[in-house]
C-alpha cells in the first residue's frame, strides 16, 4: 500500500521531528539531510519484488536494499533512510520496526510501518525515534568499547547499550521510551574517549556555527 508519505508531507514532518530531538538533547543542529533548492530530497521507489516475496525473505532488508540499489541509490558516501509501508522482520524477530543494513559498502537505515483497521493498532508509530536509532547504527553506534555496551541479546543484534531503558540506543529487556541521548555522555555521544566511536564528531551531523 502506497501511503504517499513522499508527497503528503509525512516524511518532512518525521525528519523535522528527528532534528528537533537532536537539538533538544545535544549541541548539534541535526543531521545533514540532502536537499534540492532547500527542500528535503525524497525519492519514491516502487520495488520489483512483490510483498509476498519480501515477507518470505529471511531478512526483510535484503530485497529492500536490492531494489533501492537497482533504483540508483548506491552512493557509499551517503546513508539512505527508507520508510517502508509494511511489516519488517529479521530472522526470528517478527515483526521489527527498523533495521540497519550494509550492502557493497552502501548503508541503509529502514523503518517499517503497517496500518491496520480498528481495533488492531497501527504498527511502529514512533517513526522519528526509530529512524534516528537506525541512522545512529549506520554512523557506528554503539561500539564495543562503550562502558555500557550490549552485545548480541535475545531480543536485538549487537550495538546497543544496557544502562538506561529510555536511551535511544537501549537494547535490553526493560524497554522504555526512547527519549534520552546518551544521558551520561559515556557510551556513544559526547564522551571524548580516544579510539571509541563518538557520534558527536560525525561529519553527518551539523553543528551550530
C-alpha atoms as a PDB file:
ATOM      1  CA  UNK A   1       0.000   0.000   0.000  1.00  0.00           C
ATOM      2  CA  UNK A   2       1.383   3.376  -1.024  1.00  0.00           C
ATOM      3  CA  UNK A   3       0.979   5.685   1.989  1.00  0.00           C
ATOM      4  CA  UNK A   4       2.053   8.676  -0.186  1.00  0.00           C
ATOM      5  CA  UNK A   5       4.422   9.799   2.552  1.00  0.00           C
ATOM      6  CA  UNK A   6       6.762  11.166  -0.122  1.00  0.00           C
ATOM      7  CA  UNK A   7       4.210  13.750  -1.300  1.00  0.00           C
ATOM      8  CA  UNK A   8       1.865  14.419   1.623  1.00  0.00           C
ATOM      9  CA  UNK A   9       4.434  15.946   3.990  1.00  0.00           C
ATOM     10  CA  UNK A  10       4.761  12.959   6.325  1.00  0.00           C
ATOM     11  CA  UNK A  11       8.457  12.296   5.688  1.00  0.00           C
ATOM     12  CA  UNK A  12       9.262  16.004   6.015  1.00  0.00           C
ATOM     13  CA  UNK A  13       7.423  16.028   9.349  1.00  0.00           C
ATOM     14  CA  UNK A  14       9.294  12.951  10.599  1.00  0.00           C
ATOM     15  CA  UNK A  15      12.637  14.432   9.513  1.00  0.00           C
ATOM     16  CA  UNK A  16      11.842  17.715  11.290  1.00  0.00           C
ATOM     17  CA  UNK A  17      10.993  15.789  14.461  1.00  0.00           C
ATOM     18  CA  UNK A  18      14.305  13.933  14.230  1.00  0.00           C
ATOM     19  CA  UNK A  19      16.137  17.254  14.018  1.00  0.00           C
ATOM     20  CA  UNK A  20      14.236  18.654  16.999  1.00  0.00           C
ATOM     21  CA  UNK A  21      15.065  15.555  19.020  1.00  0.00           C
ATOM     22  CA  UNK A  22      18.786  16.084  18.424  1.00  0.00           C
ATOM     23  CA  UNK A  23      18.701  19.847  19.052  1.00  0.00           C
ATOM     24  CA  UNK A  24      16.881  19.400  22.353  1.00  0.00           C
ATOM     25  CA  UNK A  25      19.350  16.813  23.638  1.00  0.00           C
ATOM     26  CA  UNK A  26      22.708  17.902  22.231  1.00  0.00           C
ATOM     27  CA  UNK A  27      24.670  20.901  20.920  1.00  0.00           C
ATOM     28  CA  UNK A  28      24.187  19.848  17.278  1.00  0.00           C
ATOM     29  CA  UNK A  29      21.712  21.354  14.828  1.00  0.00           C
ATOM     30  CA  UNK A  30      20.745  17.984  13.406  1.00  0.00           C
ATOM     31  CA  UNK A  31      21.560  15.517  10.666  1.00  0.00           C
ATOM     32  CA  UNK A  32      22.890  16.643   7.298  1.00  0.00           C
ATOM     33  CA  UNK A  33      19.977  15.743   5.039  1.00  0.00           C
ATOM     34  CA  UNK A  34      20.260  16.087   1.270  1.00  0.00           C
ATOM     35  CA  UNK A  35      18.075  18.822  -0.145  1.00  0.00           C
ATOM     36  CA  UNK A  36      17.201  20.335  -3.505  1.00  0.00           C
ATOM     37  CA  UNK A  37      16.542  24.099  -3.548  1.00  0.00           C
ATOM     38  CA  UNK A  38      16.049  23.978   0.212  1.00  0.00           C
ATOM     39  CA  UNK A  39      13.542  21.117   0.071  1.00  0.00           C
ATOM     40  CA  UNK A  40      14.241  17.685   1.537  1.00  0.00           C
ATOM     41  CA  UNK A  41      15.417  15.322  -1.223  1.00  0.00           C
ATOM     42  CA  UNK A  42      12.902  12.451  -1.266  1.00  0.00           C
ATOM     43  CA  UNK A  43      12.803   9.617  -3.794  1.00  0.00           C
ATOM     44  CA  UNK A  44       9.852   7.277  -4.277  1.00  0.00           C
ATOM     45  CA  UNK A  45      10.873   3.737  -5.235  1.00  0.00           C
ATOM     46  CA  UNK A  46       8.423   1.041  -6.292  1.00  0.00           C
ATOM     47  CA  UNK A  47      10.105  -2.284  -5.611  1.00  0.00           C
ATOM     48  CA  UNK A  48      10.066  -5.032  -8.236  1.00  0.00           C
ATOM     49  CA  UNK A  49       9.748  -7.711  -5.573  1.00  0.00           C
ATOM     50  CA  UNK A  50       6.205  -8.492  -4.505  1.00  0.00           C
ATOM     51  CA  UNK A  51       5.057  -8.101  -0.919  1.00  0.00           C
ATOM     52  CA  UNK A  52       4.846 -11.903  -0.706  1.00  0.00           C
ATOM     53  CA  UNK A  53       8.456 -12.270  -1.862  1.00  0.00           C
ATOM     54  CA  UNK A  54       9.607  -9.663   0.619  1.00  0.00           C
ATOM     55  CA  UNK A  55       7.639 -11.170   3.503  1.00  0.00           C
ATOM     56  CA  UNK A  56       9.143 -14.598   2.790  1.00  0.00           C
ATOM     57  CA  UNK A  57      12.712 -13.301   2.832  1.00  0.00           C
ATOM     58  CA  UNK A  58      14.690 -14.314   5.907  1.00  0.00           C
ATOM     59  CA  UNK A  59      15.662 -10.651   6.341  1.00  0.00           C
ATOM     60  CA  UNK A  60      13.258  -8.025   5.007  1.00  0.00           C
ATOM     61  CA  UNK A  61      16.080  -5.582   4.309  1.00  0.00           C
ATOM     62  CA  UNK A  62      17.710  -7.900   1.720  1.00  0.00           C
ATOM     63  CA  UNK A  63      15.175  -7.435  -1.134  1.00  0.00           C
ATOM     64  CA  UNK A  64      14.665  -3.869   0.047  1.00  0.00           C
ATOM     65  CA  UNK A  65      18.355  -2.991  -0.394  1.00  0.00           C
ATOM     66  CA  UNK A  66      18.464  -4.770  -3.740  1.00  0.00           C
ATOM     67  CA  UNK A  67      15.534  -2.725  -5.025  1.00  0.00           C
ATOM     68  CA  UNK A  68      16.934   0.567  -3.773  1.00  0.00           C
ATOM     69  CA  UNK A  69      20.331  -0.058  -5.315  1.00  0.00           C
ATOM     70  CA  UNK A  70      18.724  -1.020  -8.635  1.00  0.00           C
ATOM     71  CA  UNK A  71      16.995   2.361  -8.494  1.00  0.00           C
ATOM     72  CA  UNK A  72      20.384   4.073  -8.295  1.00  0.00           C
ATOM     73  CA  UNK A  73      20.544   4.674  -4.551  1.00  0.00           C
ATOM     74  CA  UNK A  74      24.060   3.336  -4.237  1.00  0.00           C
ATOM     75  CA  UNK A  75      26.390   6.132  -3.121  1.00  0.00           C
ATOM     76  CA  UNK A  76      28.724   4.756  -0.400  1.00  0.00           C
ATOM     77  CA  UNK A  77      29.252   8.297   0.909  1.00  0.00           C
ATOM     78  CA  UNK A  78      25.602   8.552   1.942  1.00  0.00           C
ATOM     79  CA  UNK A  79      23.254   6.878   4.383  1.00  0.00           C
ATOM     80  CA  UNK A  80      19.884   6.137   2.804  1.00  0.00           C
ATOM     81  CA  UNK A  81      16.851   6.476   5.061  1.00  0.00           C
ATOM     82  CA  UNK A  82      13.998   4.282   3.816  1.00  0.00           C
ATOM     83  CA  UNK A  83      10.441   4.427   5.111  1.00  0.00           C
ATOM     84  CA  UNK A  84       8.686   1.177   4.239  1.00  0.00           C
ATOM     85  CA  UNK A  85       4.867   0.759   4.472  1.00  0.00           C
ATOM     86  CA  UNK A  86       4.772  -2.891   5.525  1.00  0.00           C
ATOM     87  CA  UNK A  87       5.935  -5.030   8.424  1.00  0.00           C
ATOM     88  CA  UNK A  88       9.615  -5.872   8.670  1.00  0.00           C
ATOM     89  CA  UNK A  89      11.295  -8.980  10.001  1.00  0.00           C
ATOM     90  CA  UNK A  90      14.805 -10.251  10.621  1.00  0.00           C
ATOM     91  CA  UNK A  91      15.106 -13.989  11.116  1.00  0.00           C
ATOM     92  CA  UNK A  92      13.160 -14.987  14.212  1.00  0.00           C
ATOM     93  CA  UNK A  93      12.453 -11.354  15.144  1.00  0.00           C
ATOM     94  CA  UNK A  94       8.960 -10.834  13.832  1.00  0.00           C
ATOM     95  CA  UNK A  95       7.887  -8.147  13.460  1.00  0.00           C
ATOM     96  CA  UNK A  96      10.545  -5.437  13.712  1.00  0.00           C
ATOM     97  CA  UNK A  97      10.153  -1.678  13.437  1.00  0.00           C
ATOM     98  CA  UNK A  98      13.546  -0.866  11.960  1.00  0.00           C
ATOM     99  CA  UNK A  99      16.816  -2.193  10.632  1.00  0.00           C
ATOM    100  CA  UNK A 100      20.252  -1.007   9.575  1.00  0.00           C
ATOM    101  CA  UNK A 101      21.998  -2.887   6.811  1.00  0.00           C
ATOM    102  CA  UNK A 102      25.013  -2.541   4.536  1.00  0.00           C
ATOM    103  CA  UNK A 103      25.402  -3.842   1.017  1.00  0.00           C
ATOM    104  CA  UNK A 104      28.553  -3.391  -1.071  1.00  0.00           C
ATOM    105  CA  UNK A 105      29.645  -0.567   1.199  1.00  0.00           C
ATOM    106  CA  UNK A 106      26.313   1.294   0.970  1.00  0.00           C
ATOM    107  CA  UNK A 107      24.425   1.938   4.221  1.00  0.00           C
ATOM    108  CA  UNK A 108      20.647   1.748   4.545  1.00  0.00           C
ATOM    109  CA  UNK A 109      18.582   2.680   7.590  1.00  0.00           C
ATOM    110  CA  UNK A 110      14.989   1.490   7.314  1.00  0.00           C
ATOM    111  CA  UNK A 111      11.840   1.813   9.355  1.00  0.00           C
ATOM    112  CA  UNK A 112       8.693  -0.209   8.837  1.00  0.00           C
ATOM    113  CA  UNK A 113       5.080   0.777   9.336  1.00  0.00           C
ATOM    114  CA  UNK A 114       1.960  -1.307   8.990  1.00  0.00           C
ATOM    115  CA  UNK A 115      -1.514   0.207   9.035  1.00  0.00           C
ATOM    116  CA  UNK A 116      -4.396  -1.788  10.443  1.00  0.00           C
ATOM    117  CA  UNK A 117      -8.129  -1.293  10.663  1.00  0.00           C
ATOM    118  CA  UNK A 118      -9.621  -0.753  14.128  1.00  0.00           C
ATOM    119  CA  UNK A 119      -9.452  -2.216  16.704  1.00  0.00           C
ATOM    120  CA  UNK A 120      -5.972  -3.569  15.876  1.00  0.00           C
ATOM    121  CA  UNK A 121      -3.433  -0.788  16.464  1.00  0.00           C
ATOM    122  CA  UNK A 122      -1.105   0.526  13.816  1.00  0.00           C
ATOM    123  CA  UNK A 123       2.381  -0.959  13.928  1.00  0.00           C
ATOM    124  CA  UNK A 124       5.523   1.069  14.713  1.00  0.00           C
ATOM    125  CA  UNK A 125       4.218   4.576  15.368  1.00  0.00           C
ATOM    126  CA  UNK A 126       7.358   6.370  16.625  1.00  0.00           C
ATOM    127  CA  UNK A 127       8.908   6.799  13.202  1.00  0.00           C
ATOM    128  CA  UNK A 128      11.174   9.687  14.207  1.00  0.00           C
ATOM    129  CA  UNK A 129      12.983   7.934  17.059  1.00  0.00           C
ATOM    130  CA  UNK A 130      13.023   4.588  15.238  1.00  0.00           C
ATOM    131  CA  UNK A 131      14.743   6.132  12.209  1.00  0.00           C
ATOM    132  CA  UNK A 132      17.125   8.123  14.398  1.00  0.00           C
ATOM    133  CA  UNK A 133      18.036   4.882  16.184  1.00  0.00           C
ATOM    134  CA  UNK A 134      18.774   3.138  12.872  1.00  0.00           C
ATOM    135  CA  UNK A 135      20.748   6.094  11.473  1.00  0.00           C
ATOM    136  CA  UNK A 136      22.872   6.118  14.631  1.00  0.00           C
ATOM    137  CA  UNK A 137      23.618   2.441  13.988  1.00  0.00           C
ATOM    138  CA  UNK A 138      24.750   3.384  10.479  1.00  0.00           C
ATOM    139  CA  UNK A 139      27.013   6.044  12.000  1.00  0.00           C
ATOM    140  CA  UNK A 140      28.694   3.425  14.181  1.00  0.00           C
ATOM    141  CA  UNK A 141      26.772   3.296  17.452  1.00  0.00           C
ATOM    142  CA  UNK A 142      27.279   1.553  19.732  1.00  0.00           C
ATOM    143  CA  UNK A 143      30.940   0.462  19.774  1.00  0.00           C
ATOM    144  CA  UNK A 144      32.150  -2.448  21.942  1.00  0.00           C
ATOM    145  CA  UNK A 145      34.478  -0.017  23.734  1.00  0.00           C
ATOM    146  CA  UNK A 146      31.491   1.747  25.333  1.00  0.00           C
ATOM    147  CA  UNK A 147      31.258   1.028  29.100  1.00  0.00           C
ATOM    148  CA  UNK A 148      27.582   0.086  28.856  1.00  0.00           C
ATOM    149  CA  UNK A 149      27.852  -1.774  25.567  1.00  0.00           C
ATOM    150  CA  UNK A 150      25.338  -4.561  24.986  1.00  0.00           C
ATOM    151  CA  UNK A 151      26.367  -7.259  22.549  1.00  0.00           C
ATOM    152  CA  UNK A 152      24.075  -9.802  20.970  1.00  0.00           C
ATOM    153  CA  UNK A 153      20.986 -10.286  23.122  1.00  0.00           C
ATOM    154  CA  UNK A 154      17.940 -12.480  22.902  1.00  0.00           C
ATOM    155  CA  UNK A 155      15.918  -9.565  21.542  1.00  0.00           C
ATOM    156  CA  UNK A 156      18.247  -7.472  19.408  1.00  0.00           C
ATOM    157  CA  UNK A 157      21.502  -7.693  17.453  1.00  0.00           C
ATOM    158  CA  UNK A 158      24.686  -6.216  18.884  1.00  0.00           C
ATOM    159  CA  UNK A 159      25.357  -2.480  19.008  1.00  0.00           C
ATOM    160  CA  UNK A 160      23.192  -1.186  21.868  1.00  0.00           C
ATOM    161  CA  UNK A 161      23.534   0.000  25.465  1.00  0.00           C
ATOM    162  CA  UNK A 162      22.077  -1.617  28.570  1.00  0.00           C
ATOM    163  CA  UNK A 163      22.129   1.123  31.227  1.00  0.00           C
ATOM    164  CA  UNK A 164      19.038   3.242  30.541  1.00  0.00           C
ATOM    165  CA  UNK A 165      15.734   1.812  29.225  1.00  0.00           C
ATOM    166  CA  UNK A 166      14.858   5.281  27.901  1.00  0.00           C
ATOM    167  CA  UNK A 167      18.063   5.667  25.897  1.00  0.00           C
ATOM    168  CA  UNK A 168      17.759   5.996  22.125  1.00  0.00           C
ATOM    169  CA  UNK A 169      20.166   3.075  21.693  1.00  0.00           C
ATOM    170  CA  UNK A 170      18.915   0.845  24.511  1.00  0.00           C
ATOM    171  CA  UNK A 171      18.677  -2.852  23.713  1.00  0.00           C
ATOM    172  CA  UNK A 172      17.834  -4.588  26.969  1.00  0.00           C
ATOM    173  CA  UNK A 173      14.668  -6.244  28.244  1.00  0.00           C
ATOM    174  CA  UNK A 174      13.132  -3.241  30.028  1.00  0.00           C
ATOM    175  CA  UNK A 175      12.450  -1.058  27.003  1.00  0.00           C
ATOM    176  CA  UNK A 176      11.039   2.328  27.939  1.00  0.00           C
ATOM    177  CA  UNK A 177      10.535   5.392  25.754  1.00  0.00           C
ATOM    178  CA  UNK A 178      13.446   6.432  23.521  1.00  0.00           C
ATOM    179  CA  UNK A 179      13.879   9.972  24.846  1.00  0.00           C
ATOM    180  CA  UNK A 180      17.469  10.061  26.158  1.00  0.00           C
ATOM    181  CA  UNK A 181      20.581  10.626  24.039  1.00  0.00           C
ATOM    182  CA  UNK A 182      23.450   9.011  25.944  1.00  0.00           C
ATOM    183  CA  UNK A 183      22.401  10.931  29.057  1.00  0.00           C
ATOM    184  CA  UNK A 184      25.684  10.413  30.918  1.00  0.00           C
ATOM    185  CA  UNK A 185      27.756  11.093  27.783  1.00  0.00           C
ATOM    186  CA  UNK A 186      29.821   7.960  28.279  1.00  0.00           C
ATOM    187  CA  UNK A 187      28.829   5.491  25.552  1.00  0.00           C
ATOM    188  CA  UNK A 188      28.349   6.906  22.055  1.00  0.00           C
ATOM    189  CA  UNK A 189      27.726  10.664  22.099  1.00  0.00           C
ATOM    190  CA  UNK A 190      29.975  13.383  23.503  1.00  0.00           C
ATOM    191  CA  UNK A 191      32.224  11.128  25.609  1.00  0.00           C
ATOM    192  CA  UNK A 192      35.505  12.269  24.032  1.00  0.00           C
ATOM    193  CA  UNK A 193      37.184   8.905  24.564  1.00  0.00           C
ATOM    194  CA  UNK A 194      40.069   8.153  22.219  1.00  0.00           C
ATOM    195  CA  UNK A 195      39.636   5.246  19.798  1.00  0.00           C
ATOM    196  CA  UNK A 196      35.952   4.849  20.631  1.00  0.00           C
ATOM    197  CA  UNK A 197      33.196   5.987  18.284  1.00  0.00           C
ATOM    198  CA  UNK A 198      31.778   9.357  19.342  1.00  0.00           C
ATOM    199  CA  UNK A 199      28.870  10.385  17.133  1.00  0.00           C
ATOM    200  CA  UNK A 200      29.169  13.987  18.302  1.00  0.00           C
ATOM    201  CA  UNK A 201      32.156  14.185  15.934  1.00  0.00           C
ATOM    202  CA  UNK A 202      30.379  12.624  12.960  1.00  0.00           C
ATOM    203  CA  UNK A 203      30.520  14.572   9.676  1.00  0.00           C
ATOM    204  CA  UNK A 204      26.892  13.529   9.136  1.00  0.00           C
ATOM    205  CA  UNK A 205      25.869  15.874  11.962  1.00  0.00           C
ATOM    206  CA  UNK A 206      25.541  19.605  11.505  1.00  0.00           C
ATOM    207  CA  UNK A 207      26.942  21.722  14.309  1.00  0.00           C
ATOM    208  CA  UNK A 208      25.901  25.251  15.194  1.00  0.00           C
ATOM    209  CA  UNK A 209      28.208  27.948  13.826  1.00  0.00           C
END
